N, C-alpha and C. Protein backbone atom coordinates (compact mmCIF):
# COMPACT_ATOMS: atom_id res chain seq x y z
N MET A 1 -61.92 -28.26 10.85
CA MET A 1 -61.16 -29.44 11.20
C MET A 1 -61.89 -30.70 10.74
N GLU A 2 -63.22 -30.68 10.87
CA GLU A 2 -64.01 -31.84 10.45
C GLU A 2 -63.92 -32.06 8.95
N ALA A 3 -63.85 -30.97 8.21
CA ALA A 3 -63.73 -31.09 6.75
C ALA A 3 -62.40 -31.74 6.37
N LEU A 4 -61.35 -31.39 7.09
CA LEU A 4 -60.04 -31.97 6.84
C LEU A 4 -60.05 -33.48 7.11
N PHE A 5 -60.67 -33.87 8.22
CA PHE A 5 -60.78 -35.30 8.52
C PHE A 5 -61.60 -36.02 7.45
N GLY A 6 -62.65 -35.37 6.95
CA GLY A 6 -63.47 -35.97 5.91
C GLY A 6 -62.70 -36.16 4.61
N ILE A 7 -61.94 -35.15 4.22
CA ILE A 7 -61.14 -35.23 3.00
C ILE A 7 -60.07 -36.30 3.14
N LEU A 8 -59.41 -36.33 4.29
CA LEU A 8 -58.36 -37.33 4.52
C LEU A 8 -58.94 -38.74 4.53
N THR A 9 -60.10 -38.90 5.13
CA THR A 9 -60.75 -40.22 5.15
C THR A 9 -61.12 -40.66 3.74
N MET A 10 -61.65 -39.75 2.93
CA MET A 10 -62.01 -40.09 1.56
C MET A 10 -60.78 -40.46 0.73
N ALA A 11 -59.69 -39.72 0.92
CA ALA A 11 -58.46 -40.02 0.19
C ALA A 11 -57.92 -41.39 0.58
N LEU A 12 -57.91 -41.69 1.87
CA LEU A 12 -57.44 -42.99 2.32
C LEU A 12 -58.35 -44.12 1.86
N PHE A 13 -59.65 -43.85 1.82
CA PHE A 13 -60.60 -44.84 1.30
C PHE A 13 -60.32 -45.12 -0.17
N ALA A 14 -60.04 -44.07 -0.94
CA ALA A 14 -59.73 -44.24 -2.36
C ALA A 14 -58.45 -45.04 -2.56
N VAL A 15 -57.44 -44.77 -1.75
CA VAL A 15 -56.18 -45.52 -1.84
C VAL A 15 -56.42 -46.99 -1.53
N GLY A 16 -57.21 -47.27 -0.51
CA GLY A 16 -57.51 -48.66 -0.17
C GLY A 16 -58.30 -49.37 -1.26
N ILE A 17 -59.26 -48.67 -1.86
CA ILE A 17 -60.06 -49.26 -2.94
C ILE A 17 -59.18 -49.55 -4.16
N ILE A 18 -58.29 -48.64 -4.48
CA ILE A 18 -57.39 -48.87 -5.62
C ILE A 18 -56.50 -50.08 -5.37
N GLY A 19 -55.97 -50.21 -4.16
CA GLY A 19 -55.16 -51.38 -3.82
C GLY A 19 -55.97 -52.67 -3.90
N TRP A 20 -57.20 -52.64 -3.39
CA TRP A 20 -58.08 -53.81 -3.43
C TRP A 20 -58.38 -54.22 -4.88
N LEU A 21 -58.72 -53.24 -5.72
CA LEU A 21 -59.01 -53.54 -7.12
C LEU A 21 -57.78 -54.07 -7.85
N TRP A 22 -56.63 -53.49 -7.55
CA TRP A 22 -55.38 -53.91 -8.19
C TRP A 22 -55.10 -55.38 -7.87
N ILE A 23 -55.22 -55.76 -6.62
CA ILE A 23 -54.98 -57.15 -6.21
C ILE A 23 -56.01 -58.07 -6.85
N THR A 24 -57.27 -57.66 -6.87
CA THR A 24 -58.32 -58.49 -7.46
C THR A 24 -58.09 -58.69 -8.96
N VAL A 25 -57.73 -57.63 -9.66
CA VAL A 25 -57.47 -57.74 -11.09
C VAL A 25 -56.27 -58.64 -11.35
N MET A 26 -55.24 -58.52 -10.53
CA MET A 26 -54.06 -59.37 -10.71
C MET A 26 -54.39 -60.84 -10.44
N ALA A 27 -55.29 -61.11 -9.51
CA ALA A 27 -55.70 -62.49 -9.26
C ALA A 27 -56.39 -63.07 -10.49
N PHE A 28 -57.28 -62.30 -11.10
CA PHE A 28 -57.93 -62.77 -12.32
C PHE A 28 -56.94 -62.87 -13.47
N LYS A 29 -56.02 -61.92 -13.55
CA LYS A 29 -55.05 -61.89 -14.64
C LYS A 29 -54.12 -63.09 -14.61
N GLU A 30 -53.79 -63.55 -13.41
CA GLU A 30 -52.93 -64.72 -13.26
C GLU A 30 -53.68 -66.02 -13.53
N GLY A 31 -54.96 -65.94 -13.81
CA GLY A 31 -55.75 -67.12 -14.12
C GLY A 31 -56.26 -67.85 -12.90
N GLU A 32 -56.21 -67.21 -11.76
CA GLU A 32 -56.68 -67.81 -10.52
C GLU A 32 -58.10 -67.29 -10.24
N MET A 33 -59.05 -67.93 -10.87
CA MET A 33 -60.44 -67.47 -10.82
C MET A 33 -61.02 -67.52 -9.40
N LEU A 34 -60.71 -68.57 -8.65
CA LEU A 34 -61.26 -68.67 -7.30
C LEU A 34 -60.73 -67.57 -6.39
N TRP A 35 -59.44 -67.25 -6.52
CA TRP A 35 -58.89 -66.15 -5.72
C TRP A 35 -59.53 -64.83 -6.13
N GLY A 36 -59.73 -64.63 -7.43
CA GLY A 36 -60.35 -63.39 -7.90
C GLY A 36 -61.77 -63.23 -7.40
N ILE A 37 -62.55 -64.30 -7.49
CA ILE A 37 -63.93 -64.25 -7.00
C ILE A 37 -63.94 -64.08 -5.49
N GLY A 38 -63.03 -64.77 -4.81
CA GLY A 38 -62.93 -64.62 -3.35
C GLY A 38 -62.59 -63.21 -2.94
N CYS A 39 -61.67 -62.58 -3.68
CA CYS A 39 -61.31 -61.19 -3.37
C CYS A 39 -62.46 -60.24 -3.62
N LEU A 40 -63.28 -60.53 -4.62
CA LEU A 40 -64.45 -59.69 -4.88
C LEU A 40 -65.49 -59.83 -3.78
N ILE A 41 -65.72 -61.06 -3.33
CA ILE A 41 -66.78 -61.30 -2.37
C ILE A 41 -66.33 -61.06 -0.93
N ILE A 42 -65.15 -61.55 -0.59
CA ILE A 42 -64.63 -61.45 0.78
C ILE A 42 -63.32 -60.65 0.70
N SER A 43 -63.41 -59.35 0.89
CA SER A 43 -62.25 -58.49 0.66
C SER A 43 -61.03 -58.78 1.55
N PRO A 44 -61.17 -59.31 2.77
CA PRO A 44 -59.94 -59.64 3.51
C PRO A 44 -59.07 -60.71 2.84
N LEU A 45 -59.64 -61.45 1.90
CA LEU A 45 -58.82 -62.41 1.15
C LEU A 45 -57.77 -61.71 0.30
N CYS A 46 -57.99 -60.44 0.01
CA CYS A 46 -56.98 -59.68 -0.75
C CYS A 46 -55.68 -59.58 0.05
N PHE A 47 -55.79 -59.43 1.36
CA PHE A 47 -54.58 -59.42 2.19
C PHE A 47 -53.85 -60.76 2.07
N VAL A 48 -54.59 -61.84 2.14
CA VAL A 48 -53.99 -63.17 2.07
C VAL A 48 -53.33 -63.38 0.71
N TYR A 49 -54.07 -63.10 -0.36
CA TYR A 49 -53.52 -63.27 -1.71
C TYR A 49 -52.33 -62.33 -1.93
N GLY A 50 -52.44 -61.11 -1.43
CA GLY A 50 -51.34 -60.16 -1.59
C GLY A 50 -50.09 -60.60 -0.87
N PHE A 51 -50.23 -61.15 0.34
CA PHE A 51 -49.05 -61.61 1.07
C PHE A 51 -48.49 -62.91 0.49
N LEU A 52 -49.34 -63.75 -0.11
CA LEU A 52 -48.84 -64.96 -0.76
C LEU A 52 -48.06 -64.63 -2.03
N ASN A 53 -48.41 -63.55 -2.68
CA ASN A 53 -47.73 -63.10 -3.91
C ASN A 53 -47.07 -61.75 -3.69
N PHE A 54 -46.40 -61.61 -2.56
CA PHE A 54 -45.88 -60.30 -2.16
C PHE A 54 -44.81 -59.77 -3.12
N ASP A 55 -44.07 -60.66 -3.77
CA ASP A 55 -43.03 -60.20 -4.70
C ASP A 55 -43.63 -59.38 -5.84
N GLU A 56 -44.80 -59.79 -6.32
CA GLU A 56 -45.44 -59.09 -7.43
C GLU A 56 -46.36 -57.97 -6.98
N LEU A 57 -46.88 -58.08 -5.76
CA LEU A 57 -47.96 -57.17 -5.33
C LEU A 57 -47.57 -56.31 -4.14
N LYS A 58 -46.34 -55.86 -4.07
CA LYS A 58 -45.91 -55.04 -2.93
C LYS A 58 -46.69 -53.73 -2.85
N ILE A 59 -46.75 -53.03 -3.95
CA ILE A 59 -47.38 -51.71 -3.96
C ILE A 59 -48.87 -51.79 -3.60
N PRO A 60 -49.66 -52.67 -4.25
CA PRO A 60 -51.09 -52.70 -3.87
C PRO A 60 -51.33 -53.20 -2.45
N VAL A 61 -50.46 -54.09 -1.94
CA VAL A 61 -50.63 -54.54 -0.56
C VAL A 61 -50.40 -53.37 0.39
N PHE A 62 -49.37 -52.58 0.14
CA PHE A 62 -49.12 -51.42 1.00
C PHE A 62 -50.22 -50.37 0.85
N MET A 63 -50.78 -50.24 -0.35
CA MET A 63 -51.90 -49.31 -0.53
C MET A 63 -53.12 -49.77 0.27
N LEU A 64 -53.42 -51.06 0.19
CA LEU A 64 -54.56 -51.61 0.92
C LEU A 64 -54.35 -51.50 2.42
N LEU A 65 -53.16 -51.84 2.86
CA LEU A 65 -52.84 -51.76 4.29
C LEU A 65 -52.82 -50.31 4.77
N GLY A 66 -52.24 -49.43 3.97
CA GLY A 66 -52.19 -48.01 4.33
C GLY A 66 -53.56 -47.38 4.41
N GLY A 67 -54.44 -47.73 3.48
CA GLY A 67 -55.80 -47.21 3.52
C GLY A 67 -56.54 -47.68 4.75
N PHE A 68 -56.37 -48.95 5.10
CA PHE A 68 -57.05 -49.51 6.26
C PHE A 68 -56.54 -48.90 7.56
N VAL A 69 -55.23 -48.91 7.74
CA VAL A 69 -54.63 -48.38 8.98
C VAL A 69 -54.83 -46.87 9.06
N GLY A 70 -54.73 -46.19 7.93
CA GLY A 70 -54.92 -44.74 7.93
C GLY A 70 -56.32 -44.32 8.33
N ARG A 71 -57.33 -45.06 7.86
CA ARG A 71 -58.70 -44.72 8.24
C ARG A 71 -58.94 -44.96 9.72
N ILE A 72 -58.32 -45.99 10.26
CA ILE A 72 -58.44 -46.22 11.71
C ILE A 72 -57.77 -45.07 12.48
N ALA A 73 -56.60 -44.66 12.02
CA ALA A 73 -55.89 -43.56 12.68
C ALA A 73 -56.67 -42.26 12.61
N VAL A 74 -57.28 -41.97 11.48
CA VAL A 74 -58.09 -40.75 11.34
C VAL A 74 -59.31 -40.83 12.26
N GLY A 75 -59.90 -42.01 12.37
CA GLY A 75 -61.04 -42.17 13.28
C GLY A 75 -60.66 -41.94 14.71
N VAL A 76 -59.50 -42.45 15.12
CA VAL A 76 -59.03 -42.24 16.49
C VAL A 76 -58.73 -40.76 16.72
N LEU A 77 -58.09 -40.11 15.76
CA LEU A 77 -57.80 -38.67 15.91
C LEU A 77 -59.09 -37.86 15.97
N ALA A 78 -60.05 -38.18 15.13
CA ALA A 78 -61.31 -37.44 15.12
C ALA A 78 -62.06 -37.63 16.44
N ALA A 79 -61.99 -38.82 16.98
CA ALA A 79 -62.68 -39.09 18.25
C ALA A 79 -61.99 -38.35 19.42
N SER A 80 -60.67 -38.25 19.35
CA SER A 80 -59.96 -37.59 20.44
C SER A 80 -60.11 -36.06 20.37
N VAL A 81 -60.25 -35.52 19.18
CA VAL A 81 -60.41 -34.07 19.02
C VAL A 81 -61.83 -33.66 19.36
N GLY A 82 -62.80 -34.44 18.92
CA GLY A 82 -64.21 -34.03 19.06
C GLY A 82 -64.84 -34.62 20.22
């Protein structure tokens, strides 16, 4: 059971990282250097930038949010089982 939680946590972590990188790359691609640097240094800014540009960044915002919420849910499940 612990191995399953570990695999699920790693998968959710990967999904969150991909969403974070996608938003950061899009910030640089749009020519918004300060947003891009901010997203690299302070990762919660990716949520802000993603919600400000939600029309273009729906998928990466949901990936970032899903990875974050999913890891919390797996942690709660692992704590309740073990």
